[in-house]
Protein backbone atom coordinates (compact mmCIF):
# COMPACT_ATOMS: atom_id res chain seq x y z
CA MET A 1 80.74 112.18 179.96
CA GLU A 2 84.13 113.13 179.05
CA THR A 3 85.44 114.04 175.24
CA ASP A 4 88.34 111.80 174.20
CA LEU A 5 90.27 115.40 174.30
CA GLU A 6 89.17 116.49 177.52
CA ARG A 7 90.64 112.35 178.77
CA ARG A 8 94.33 113.15 176.52
CA ASN A 9 94.68 116.62 178.56
CA ILE A 10 93.40 115.63 181.99
CA VAL A 11 95.36 112.43 182.01
CA SER A 12 98.57 112.91 179.83
CA LYS A 13 98.99 117.05 178.70
CA HIS A 14 102.85 116.78 177.66
CA VAL A 15 104.35 119.67 177.67
CA LEU A 16 107.72 119.97 174.79
CA ILE A 17 110.06 123.05 176.48
CA VAL A 18 112.78 124.49 174.01
CA GLU A 19 114.92 126.42 176.16
CA ASP A 20 118.98 126.68 176.13
CA GLU A 21 119.59 127.90 178.94
CA GLU A 22 119.90 124.62 181.35
CA ARG A 23 119.08 125.61 184.52
CA ILE A 24 115.48 127.73 183.69
CA ARG A 25 114.93 124.70 181.20
CA GLU A 26 115.06 122.11 184.51
CA VAL A 27 113.13 124.83 186.96
CA ILE A 28 109.86 124.78 184.33
CA SER A 29 110.59 121.36 183.64
CA ASP A 30 110.48 120.60 187.33
CA TYR A 31 107.36 122.80 188.23
CA PHE A 32 105.40 121.02 184.89
CA ILE A 33 105.58 117.51 186.21
CA LYS A 34 104.96 118.85 189.89
CA ASP A 35 101.70 120.38 188.18
CA GLY A 36 100.83 116.13 186.58
CA TRP A 37 102.03 117.51 182.92
CA GLN A 38 103.99 114.73 181.25
CA VAL A 39 107.31 117.02 180.06
CA THR A 40 110.26 116.41 177.23
CA GLU A 41 113.04 118.90 176.96
CA THR A 42 115.66 120.16 174.08
CA ASP A 43 117.94 122.86 174.14
CA ASN A 44 117.66 123.77 170.33
CA GLY A 45 114.76 125.17 167.54
CA ARG A 46 116.55 121.94 164.69
CA ASP A 47 115.73 119.07 167.29
CA ALA A 48 111.81 120.90 168.74
CA LEU A 49 111.11 120.21 165.37
CA SER A 50 111.83 116.01 165.18
CA TRP A 51 110.84 116.06 168.67
CA PHE A 52 106.85 117.87 167.91
CA GLU A 53 107.12 114.97 164.68
CA ALA A 54 107.83 112.35 166.70
CA LEU A 55 105.81 112.92 170.25
CA TYR A 56 102.52 115.56 168.72
CA PRO A 57 102.50 117.41 172.15
CA ASP A 58 99.79 119.50 173.79
CA LEU A 59 101.42 122.70 174.55
CA VAL A 60 105.31 123.70 173.26
CA ILE A 61 107.27 126.31 175.70
CA LEU A 62 109.45 128.12 173.80
CA ASP A 63 112.25 131.00 174.41
CA ILE A 64 112.85 133.00 171.59
CA MET A 65 116.88 133.64 171.94
CA MET A 66 118.40 130.12 170.67
CA PRO A 67 121.23 128.39 168.41
CA GLN A 68 120.63 126.96 165.34
CA MET A 69 117.18 128.09 164.84
CA ASP A 70 115.46 131.30 166.83
CA GLY A 71 112.25 130.50 168.60
CA PHE A 72 110.55 132.95 166.13
CA GLU A 73 111.70 130.20 163.22
CA VAL A 74 110.25 127.08 164.92
CA CYS A 75 106.97 128.92 165.77
CA LYS A 76 106.70 129.82 161.58
CA GLU A 77 107.52 126.13 160.91
CA LEU A 78 105.54 124.50 163.62
CA ARG A 79 101.69 126.34 162.43
CA LEU A 80 102.70 125.69 159.03
CA ARG A 81 102.58 121.68 160.13
CA SER A 82 99.83 122.18 163.59
CA GLY A 83 97.98 124.65 165.26
CA VAL A 84 99.41 123.82 168.78
CA PRO A 85 98.94 126.12 171.72
CA ILE A 86 102.36 128.32 171.99
CA ILE A 87 103.74 130.10 174.94
CA LEU A 88 106.82 132.13 173.23
CA LEU A 89 109.33 132.50 176.13
CA THR A 90 112.10 135.39 175.97
CA ALA A 91 113.96 137.85 177.55
CA LYS A 92 113.04 140.33 174.77
CA SER A 93 110.08 142.90 175.70
CA ALA A 94 109.58 145.43 173.23
CA ASP A 95 106.10 144.99 171.55
CA GLN A 96 107.56 144.73 168.26
CA ASP A 97 108.73 141.64 169.26
CA LYS A 98 105.49 140.48 171.20
CA LEU A 99 103.39 141.50 167.95
CA LEU A 100 105.91 139.47 165.80
CA GLY A 101 105.44 136.69 167.71
CA TYR A 102 101.77 136.49 167.33
CA GLU A 103 101.37 137.37 164.23
CA LEU A 104 103.53 134.37 163.76
CA GLY A 105 100.64 132.27 165.34
CA ALA A 106 102.33 132.13 168.86
CA ASP A 107 99.08 131.66 171.51
CA ASP A 108 100.41 133.80 174.35
CA TYR A 109 103.84 135.42 175.74
CA ILE A 110 105.72 135.31 178.30
CA THR A 111 109.12 138.18 179.57
CA LYS A 112 111.82 137.03 181.52
CA PRO A 113 112.62 137.09 184.53
CA PHE A 114 109.58 135.17 185.36
CA SER A 115 108.05 133.20 188.13
CA PRO A 116 107.08 129.67 186.41
CA LYS A 117 104.00 129.32 188.27
CA VAL A 118 102.57 132.34 187.12
CA LEU A 119 103.96 130.26 183.36
CA VAL A 120 101.88 126.22 184.40
CA ALA A 121 99.07 129.24 185.39
CA LYS A 122 99.36 130.17 181.81
CA ALA A 123 99.86 126.64 180.61
CA ASN A 124 96.67 125.47 181.95
CA SER A 125 94.40 128.42 181.31
CA LEU A 126 95.21 127.51 177.35
CA MET A 127 94.54 124.05 177.40
CA LYS A 128 91.09 124.99 179.65
CA ARG A 129 90.19 127.39 176.53
CA VAL A 130 91.17 124.10 173.86
CA ILE A 131 88.65 122.34 175.82
CA ASP A 132 86.00 124.30 176.69
CA ASN A 133 85.40 124.96 173.05
CA TYR A 134 85.31 121.10 172.39
CA LYS A 135 82.22 120.96 172.47
CA PRO A 136 80.90 117.48 174.03
CA ASP A 137 77.93 117.72 172.47
CA GLY A 138 79.27 118.22 169.20
CA TYR A 139 77.00 120.52 166.38
CA ARG A 140 78.48 121.98 162.91
CA ILE A 141 77.76 125.63 161.92
CA LEU A 142 77.24 126.23 158.07
CA PHE A 143 78.29 129.77 157.13
CA GLY A 144 78.74 130.15 152.95
CA SER A 145 80.67 126.67 151.56
CA SER A 146 82.32 126.43 155.06
CA VAL A 147 81.63 124.18 158.43
CA LEU A 148 83.04 124.68 161.67
CA ASN A 149 82.37 121.50 163.56
CA THR A 150 82.48 122.20 166.98
CA LEU A 151 82.78 118.35 167.86
CA ALA A 152 86.41 117.82 165.92
CA HIS A 153 87.40 121.49 166.61
CA ARG A 154 87.28 121.31 162.73
CA LEU A 155 87.24 123.80 160.01
CA GLU A 156 86.45 122.83 156.19
CA VAL A 157 86.51 125.44 153.24
CA ASP A 158 84.98 123.91 149.77
CA GLY A 159 85.02 120.55 151.33
CA VAL A 160 88.87 120.68 152.17
CA GLU A 161 90.14 120.89 155.74
CA VAL A 162 91.56 124.04 157.11
CA GLU A 163 94.17 123.71 160.13
CA LEU A 164 92.95 126.52 162.64
CA THR A 165 95.32 127.77 165.37
CA PRO A 166 93.45 127.77 168.87
CA LYS A 167 92.98 131.72 168.94
CA GLU A 168 92.38 131.60 165.02
CA TYR A 169 89.60 129.00 166.46
CA GLU A 170 88.77 130.47 169.47
CA LEU A 171 88.57 134.07 167.21
CA LEU A 172 86.02 132.75 164.98
CA LEU A 173 83.64 131.10 167.25
CA LEU A 174 83.25 134.27 169.47
CA LEU A 175 82.38 136.12 166.34
CA ILE A 176 79.75 133.38 165.18
CA ASN A 177 78.80 133.13 168.89
CA ASN A 178 77.68 136.88 168.27
CA LYS A 179 75.84 136.45 165.24
CA ASN A 180 75.92 140.27 163.68
CA LEU A 181 76.88 142.26 166.81
CA VAL A 182 80.32 144.02 166.66
CA VAL A 183 82.41 142.48 169.19
CA THR A 184 85.14 145.48 170.17
CA ARG A 185 88.64 144.62 169.82
CA GLU A 186 89.08 144.73 174.04
CA VAL A 187 86.19 142.04 174.10
CA ILE A 188 88.09 139.58 171.90
CA ILE A 189 91.05 140.59 173.76
CA ALA A 190 89.72 139.78 177.14
CA ARG A 191 88.09 136.50 175.85
CA VAL A 192 90.20 134.92 173.88
CA TRP A 193 93.79 136.37 175.11
CA GLY A 194 92.61 137.09 178.93
CA ILE A 195 92.58 140.00 180.71
CA GLU A 196 96.73 139.46 181.31
CA PHE A 197 97.75 139.98 177.53
CA GLU A 198 100.43 142.29 177.85
CA GLY A 199 99.82 142.72 173.26
CA ASP A 200 98.30 145.57 172.05
CA ASN A 201 95.23 145.56 169.91
CA ARG A 202 97.23 144.85 166.36
CA VAL A 203 97.72 141.14 167.18
CA VAL A 204 93.34 141.01 167.22
CA ASP A 205 93.95 142.33 163.41
CA SER A 206 97.20 140.36 162.57
CA HIS A 207 94.86 137.45 163.29
CA ILE A 208 91.62 138.59 161.23
CA LYS A 209 93.55 138.96 158.77
CA LYS A 210 94.94 134.99 158.76
CA LEU A 211 91.68 134.12 159.59
CA ARG A 212 90.26 135.52 156.16
CA SER A 213 93.01 134.08 154.74
CA LYS A 214 92.33 130.53 155.71
CA LEU A 215 88.31 131.21 154.57
CA GLY A 216 88.77 132.16 151.21
CA TYR A 217 85.53 134.24 149.55
CA ASP A 218 83.82 133.30 152.82
CA SER A 219 85.58 136.00 154.49
CA GLN A 220 83.29 137.93 153.32
CA PHE A 221 81.16 137.07 156.84
CA ILE A 222 83.34 139.28 158.94
CA ARG A 223 82.85 142.65 158.98
CA THR A 224 85.21 145.51 159.67
CA VAL A 225 83.59 147.88 162.26
CA ILE A 226 85.93 151.06 161.24
CA GLY A 227 87.48 152.38 164.74
CA VAL A 228 85.19 149.89 166.95
CA GLY A 229 85.83 145.64 166.06
CA TYR A 230 84.86 143.08 163.84
CA LYS A 231 81.37 141.17 163.25
CA PHE A 232 80.54 138.50 161.54
CA GLN A 233 77.26 139.27 159.24
CA GLN A 234 74.77 137.17 158.70
CA GLU A 235 71.64 138.72 157.41
CA ASP A 236 69.56 135.13 155.94
CA SER A 237 69.59 131.84 158.57
CA LEU A 238 72.11 131.02 156.37
CA ASP A 239 74.28 128.56 159.33
CA GLN A 240 72.93 125.20 160.78
CA LYS A 241 73.34 123.59 163.33
CA GLY A 242 72.68 119.51 163.30
CA GLU A 243 73.97 116.29 164.90
CA LEU A 244 76.79 114.64 163.12
């Protein structure tokens, strides 16, 4: 049986395209429409935030070099409001720019010039990972004072809901599913960002830092293995799975 999230993304995937160059925006829109997406367009960051609050799209394609508010500012604002998947679109190719985008919470990054087909493929791949992590059979994973609900795609710490970005959720779930095993940065990159990821391993460290901040005291479960990667360390069987 399909979950509500699966039906929502299969039937009415909605993308907000934020790009100040009209020609590029129109081409991107055409390709997404042909692929079955609903599309909303805007040419500046401030309007993007307004449209987001009105529509709550499933995905945001966000150019970086824009008037009024640049893409980095918009990405930061969106992350304060939502865990919506974000793909940054920019002419900048320097690693520092890419790293900043990932640190601000972007889920993927594509550099101009680019193939619209590749952009749509990246969008579909990102949405598929979101759906795959929304498990239809549903259970909760308990550790310390935290509860990760894989049916609702929600984390609670000390009874308070903490919103995770899609990448933070995937990262936490990957570590939990490999409890007490070391997961290398390379494996994390391949599983969470995909094998076509063009950045470096520092993006993993950046997301681990944010995840630990959100977990508070329960960040103790995420251990650093120097020079290798990370592991979710539970000596006792503290995690419990049960029907909600």
